[in-house]
Protein backbone atom coordinates (compact mmCIF):
# COMPACT_ATOMS: atom_id res chain seq x y z
CA MET A 1 105.25 90.33 75.41
CA LYS A 2 107.17 87.70 77.34
CA TYR A 3 110.03 90.13 77.90
CA PHE A 4 107.54 92.77 78.99
CA GLY A 5 105.95 90.36 81.45
CA PHE A 6 109.37 89.56 82.89
CA PHE A 7 110.14 93.26 83.19
CA VAL A 8 106.86 93.96 84.97
CA PHE A 9 107.33 91.22 87.50
CA ALA A 10 110.98 92.08 87.90
CA ALA A 11 109.94 95.67 88.52
CA LEU A 12 107.30 94.44 90.92
CA GLY A 13 109.82 92.48 92.93
CA PHE A 14 112.23 95.39 92.84
CA ILE A 15 109.91 98.31 93.57
CA ALA A 16 107.06 96.95 95.65
CA GLN A 17 109.12 96.53 98.81
CA PRO A 18 108.30 97.34 102.39
CA ALA A 19 108.42 101.00 103.43
CA LEU A 20 111.80 102.70 103.04
CA ALA A 21 113.12 99.96 100.76
CA ASN A 22 115.81 101.45 98.56
CA TYR A 23 115.95 101.49 94.82
CA PRO A 24 118.27 102.88 92.12
CA CYS A 25 117.71 106.56 91.40
CA PRO A 26 120.16 107.34 88.57
CA GLY A 27 119.11 110.99 88.45
CA GLY A 28 119.69 111.47 92.17
CA PRO A 29 117.03 112.07 94.82
CA GLY A 30 114.01 114.12 93.86
CA PRO A 31 111.20 115.63 95.92
CA GLY A 32 109.96 113.06 98.43
CA GLU A 33 113.15 110.96 98.11
CA GLN A 34 116.39 110.65 100.04
CA GLN A 35 119.65 109.14 98.86
CA ILE A 36 120.98 106.62 101.35
CA GLY A 37 124.01 105.30 99.52
CA VAL A 38 125.32 103.79 96.34
CA GLY A 39 124.63 100.41 94.80
CA GLY A 40 126.96 98.44 92.56
CA GLY A 41 130.45 99.75 92.01
CA SER A 42 132.03 96.32 91.59
CA HIS A 43 131.81 93.10 89.56
CA GLY A 44 131.22 95.07 86.39
CA ILE A 45 128.25 97.01 87.79
CA ALA A 46 128.48 100.79 87.73
CA ALA A 47 127.93 102.71 90.93
CA VAL A 48 124.35 103.99 91.01
CA PRO A 49 122.74 106.19 93.71
CA LEU A 50 120.22 104.40 95.95
CA CYS A 51 117.21 106.26 97.33
CA VAL A 52 114.27 105.72 99.60
CA ALA A 53 110.87 107.36 99.30
CA THR A 54 110.14 109.62 102.25
CA GLY A 55 106.84 111.01 101.03
CA GLY A 56 107.93 114.51 101.95
CA GLY A 57 108.80 117.48 99.79
CA ALA A 58 107.14 120.76 99.06
CA ASP A 59 105.03 119.22 96.30
CA SER A 60 103.94 116.21 98.28
CA GLY A 61 100.21 115.46 98.26
CA GLY A 62 98.07 113.77 100.88
CA GLY A 63 96.60 110.32 101.06
CA GLY A 64 99.94 108.53 100.85
CA GLY A 65 100.42 109.49 97.21
CA TYR A 66 102.81 111.81 95.47
CA ALA A 67 102.24 115.18 93.87
CA GLY A 68 101.45 114.94 90.21
CA TYR A 69 101.35 111.13 90.42
CA SER A 70 98.58 109.47 88.48
CA CYS A 71 98.52 105.72 88.97
CA TYR A 72 97.01 104.14 85.84
CA GLY A 73 96.29 100.52 86.62
CA CYS A 74 97.84 100.60 90.09
CA ASN A 75 96.79 97.03 90.75
CA ILE A 76 100.14 95.94 89.32
CA PHE A 77 101.94 97.52 92.26
CA ALA A 78 101.19 96.96 95.94
CA ASP A 79 102.05 100.59 96.74
CA PRO A 80 102.37 103.76 94.67
CA ALA A 81 105.66 104.04 92.87
CA PRO A 82 108.33 106.35 94.31
CA PRO A 83 108.63 109.75 92.60
CA SER A 84 111.57 108.67 90.42
CA TYR A 85 109.40 105.91 88.98
CA ASP A 86 106.13 107.78 88.59
CA ALA A 87 106.38 108.11 84.81
CA MET A 88 107.67 104.56 84.40
CA ASN A 89 104.92 103.21 86.61
CA SER A 90 102.30 105.00 84.55
CA ALA A 91 103.79 103.81 81.25
CA ILE A 92 104.14 100.20 82.41
CA ASN A 93 100.62 100.09 83.81
CA GLU A 94 99.19 101.64 80.66
CA GLN A 95 100.95 99.05 78.51
CA ALA A 96 99.88 96.27 80.87
CA SER A 97 96.26 97.41 80.55
CA ARG A 98 96.57 97.39 76.77
CA ASN A 99 98.12 93.93 76.86
CA ALA A 100 95.32 92.68 79.10
CA GLU A 101 92.69 94.09 76.72
CA ALA A 102 94.46 92.58 73.72
CA GLN A 103 94.63 89.20 75.46
CA LYS A 104 90.93 89.44 76.32
CA GLN A 105 90.07 90.12 72.69
CA MET A 106 92.29 87.25 71.54
CA LEU A 107 90.57 84.85 73.94
CA GLU A 108 87.14 86.02 72.77
CA ALA A 109 88.17 85.60 69.12
CA GLU A 110 89.57 82.14 69.85
CA ALA A 111 86.34 81.12 71.58
CA LYS A 112 84.31 82.33 68.58
CA LEU A 113 86.60 80.43 66.20
CA GLN A 114 86.28 77.24 68.23
CA LYS A 115 82.51 77.61 68.19
CA LEU A 116 82.59 78.18 64.44
CA GLU A 117 84.84 75.18 63.85
CA ALA A 118 82.34 73.00 65.72
CA ASP A 119 79.45 74.16 63.50
CA PRO A 120 78.50 71.38 61.01
CA ASP A 121 77.35 73.96 58.44
CA TYR A 122 80.72 75.69 58.61
CA GLN A 123 82.53 72.38 58.18
CA ARG A 124 80.49 71.62 55.07
CA TYR A 125 81.27 75.11 53.80
CA LYS A 126 85.00 74.45 54.27
CA ARG A 127 85.23 70.95 52.82
CA GLY A 128 82.44 71.26 50.22
CA GLU A 129 79.22 69.38 49.61
CA TRP A 130 76.92 68.24 46.81
CA ARG A 131 73.28 69.25 46.53
CA PHE A 132 70.72 67.85 44.11
CA PHE A 133 67.48 69.53 43.06
CA GLN A 134 65.37 70.70 40.13
CA ALA A 135 65.97 74.32 39.23
CA LYS A 136 62.24 75.14 38.96
CA LYS A 137 59.56 74.02 41.39
CA ASP A 138 57.11 73.17 38.60
CA SER A 139 59.62 71.18 36.55
CA ALA A 140 58.43 67.97 34.95
CA PRO A 141 60.20 64.75 35.96
CA GLY A 142 63.69 64.75 34.47
CA ASP A 143 63.69 68.45 33.56
CA ASN A 144 66.07 71.07 34.97
CA CYS A 145 67.99 68.55 37.09
CA VAL A 146 70.92 70.14 38.95
CA ALA A 147 73.92 68.77 40.78
CA MET A 148 75.70 71.61 42.55
CA TRP A 149 79.02 71.42 44.36
CA SER A 150 79.58 74.35 46.71
CA LYS A 151 82.69 75.06 48.70
CA GLU A 152 84.49 77.96 50.32
CA GLY A 153 85.23 80.39 47.49
CA GLY A 154 82.59 79.35 44.97
CA ALA A 155 80.39 76.72 43.38
CA VAL A 156 79.93 74.74 40.18
CA SER A 157 76.63 73.42 38.83
CA ILE A 158 75.88 70.73 36.26
CA VAL A 159 72.45 71.53 34.83
CA GLY A 160 70.38 69.11 32.78
CA PRO A 161 68.03 69.86 29.87
CA GLY A 162 64.66 71.58 30.22
CA LYS A 163 61.56 72.10 28.12
CA VAL A 164 63.13 74.67 25.81
CA TYR A 165 66.88 73.97 25.89
CA GLN A 166 67.64 70.29 25.31
CA GLY A 167 71.33 70.47 26.15
CA GLY A 168 73.10 70.93 29.44
CA MET A 169 75.20 73.59 31.13
CA LEU A 170 78.27 73.71 33.31
CA ILE A 171 78.01 76.87 35.45
CA PHE A 172 80.73 78.33 37.67
CA TRP A 173 79.87 80.78 40.44
CA SER A 174 82.39 83.07 42.09
CA ALA A 175 82.69 86.54 43.60
CA ASP A 176 85.60 87.12 41.20
CA ILE A 177 83.42 86.60 38.13
CA PRO A 178 81.99 89.84 36.66
CA THR A 179 78.29 90.50 37.29
CA PRO A 180 76.95 92.23 34.15
CA SER A 181 73.42 93.59 34.14
CA SER A 182 72.67 91.58 31.00
CA THR A 183 74.04 88.28 29.72
CA GLN A 184 77.20 88.62 27.65
CA THR A 185 79.24 86.25 25.52
CA VAL A 186 82.84 86.12 26.70
CA ALA A 187 85.98 84.18 25.85
CA VAL A 188 87.33 81.99 28.66
CA THR A 189 89.94 79.31 29.16
CA LEU A 190 88.84 76.19 31.04
CA LYS A 191 91.47 74.11 32.78
CA GLN A 192 90.63 70.69 34.25
CA SER A 193 92.49 67.97 36.10
CA LYS A 194 93.02 65.43 33.31
CA TYR A 195 92.07 67.38 30.21
CA GLN A 196 93.92 69.86 28.04
CA PRO A 197 93.01 73.54 28.57
CA GLN A 198 90.17 74.66 26.30
CA SER A 199 89.56 78.17 24.99
CA VAL A 200 85.83 78.50 24.50
CA ASN A 201 83.07 81.06 24.42
CA ALA A 202 80.80 81.16 27.45
CA LEU A 203 77.91 83.12 28.89
CA ASN A 204 78.72 85.62 31.62
CA PHE A 205 75.67 86.61 33.67
CA SER A 206 74.37 87.39 37.14
CA VAL A 207 71.22 86.39 38.99
CA PRO A 208 69.30 88.71 41.36
CA ASN A 209 69.97 88.07 45.05
CA ILE A 210 73.02 85.89 44.36
CA PRO A 211 76.21 87.72 45.42
CA ALA A 212 78.38 86.12 42.75
CA GLY A 213 78.88 86.26 39.03
CA ALA A 214 78.39 83.25 36.77
CA ILE A 215 80.19 81.72 33.78
CA GLY A 216 78.05 79.21 31.89
CA LEU A 217 79.42 76.72 29.37
CA THR A 218 76.83 75.02 27.16
CA VAL A 219 77.04 71.34 26.33
CA PRO A 220 74.87 69.93 23.52
CA ASN A 221 74.36 66.57 25.19
CA ILE A 222 73.98 66.08 28.96
CA ASP A 223 74.98 62.40 28.76
CA ALA A 224 78.28 63.36 27.14
CA ALA A 225 78.86 65.87 29.91
CA LEU A 226 78.09 63.29 32.57
CA ASN A 227 80.55 60.84 31.03
CA THR A 228 83.40 63.32 31.46
CA MET A 229 82.80 63.79 35.19
CA LEU A 230 85.66 62.55 37.36
CA ASP A 231 85.48 61.47 40.97
CA VAL A 232 88.02 64.13 41.96
CA GLU A 233 88.12 67.23 39.80
CA HIS A 234 89.80 70.62 39.81
CA PHE A 235 88.57 73.47 37.62
CA ILE A 236 90.19 76.81 36.86
CA VAL A 237 88.34 79.32 34.67
CA GLU A 238 90.39 82.19 33.28
CA MET A 239 88.96 85.35 31.78
CA ASP A 240 91.17 88.03 30.23
CA GLY A 241 94.20 86.13 31.51
CA ARG A 242 92.97 86.15 35.12
CA ALA A 243 91.54 83.24 37.12
CA VAL A 244 87.95 84.10 38.05
CA ALA A 245 86.97 80.64 39.34
CA ASP A 246 89.14 78.03 41.06
CA ILE A 247 87.30 75.11 42.62
CA ASP A 248 87.78 71.39 43.19
CA TRP A 249 85.28 68.68 44.04
CA THR A 250 85.26 65.16 45.48
CA ASP A 251 82.73 62.30 45.19
CA GLY A 252 82.05 63.26 41.59
CA LEU A 253 81.06 59.72 40.54
CA ALA A 254 78.33 59.51 43.20
CA ALA A 255 77.08 62.92 42.07
CA ARG A 256 77.09 61.78 38.46
CA ALA A 257 74.94 58.78 39.39
CA ARG A 258 72.43 60.97 41.24
CA LEU A 259 72.20 63.46 38.38
CA HIS A 260 71.83 60.67 35.81
CA GLN A 261 69.04 59.16 37.90
CA CYS A 262 67.16 62.50 37.79
CA VAL A 263 67.74 63.11 34.08
CA SER A 264 66.66 59.59 33.12
CA LYS A 265 63.12 60.29 34.34
CA ARG A 266 62.39 62.40 31.25
């Protein structure tokens, strides 16, 4: 685009001259043009015919224009191009208009991105955040306690015991996880920061109105699960040899303390 800009302005300086300014016309004079001499011919420059635009010719139109000349985006040039440059003028102006439109769209996209980058919700989405709640509104104190880390690309939840199930669950959410219509038992491999990979069975399910699939690992004792939480953690869940969840968290120890505080109210 830089070269094009240079060419346009070079062409502008070369073509948009006062009346009867001459210009190279390699094909010789055409209708509405007159050859007045030759340019170059020395210092390594080939001899090229020079013409001026007279505006005459059998096909000349009125209004100071030229027959068959359609000036697309004429604002680039102070005057209509001479006949020899009609097609070039049209092509250059058309490309310049496209470049201007592309630049406008780029500036609009950049402005939208800057606005998005300044949005606190978007920043939390990018860097991740913890949320703490009880999964059911009518839960008794200490039941269904959840610590959920969500970040761009997915989420992971640590769920405490409830009235029926006395253990806990570690649930991964991702758009790459299958979304079966009914809960299925699947084999997965869990990889963590400081632990050896584990091949375990898990529950694969989906929840209405959540646009992601879920992989749930059951833990018999929530306290044991809490004790394995690290401050900085990275999980990869593989299913059928393919990673379906890849997420990392920070501030895991503070989250563990909050979740333990909720669970201890049972």
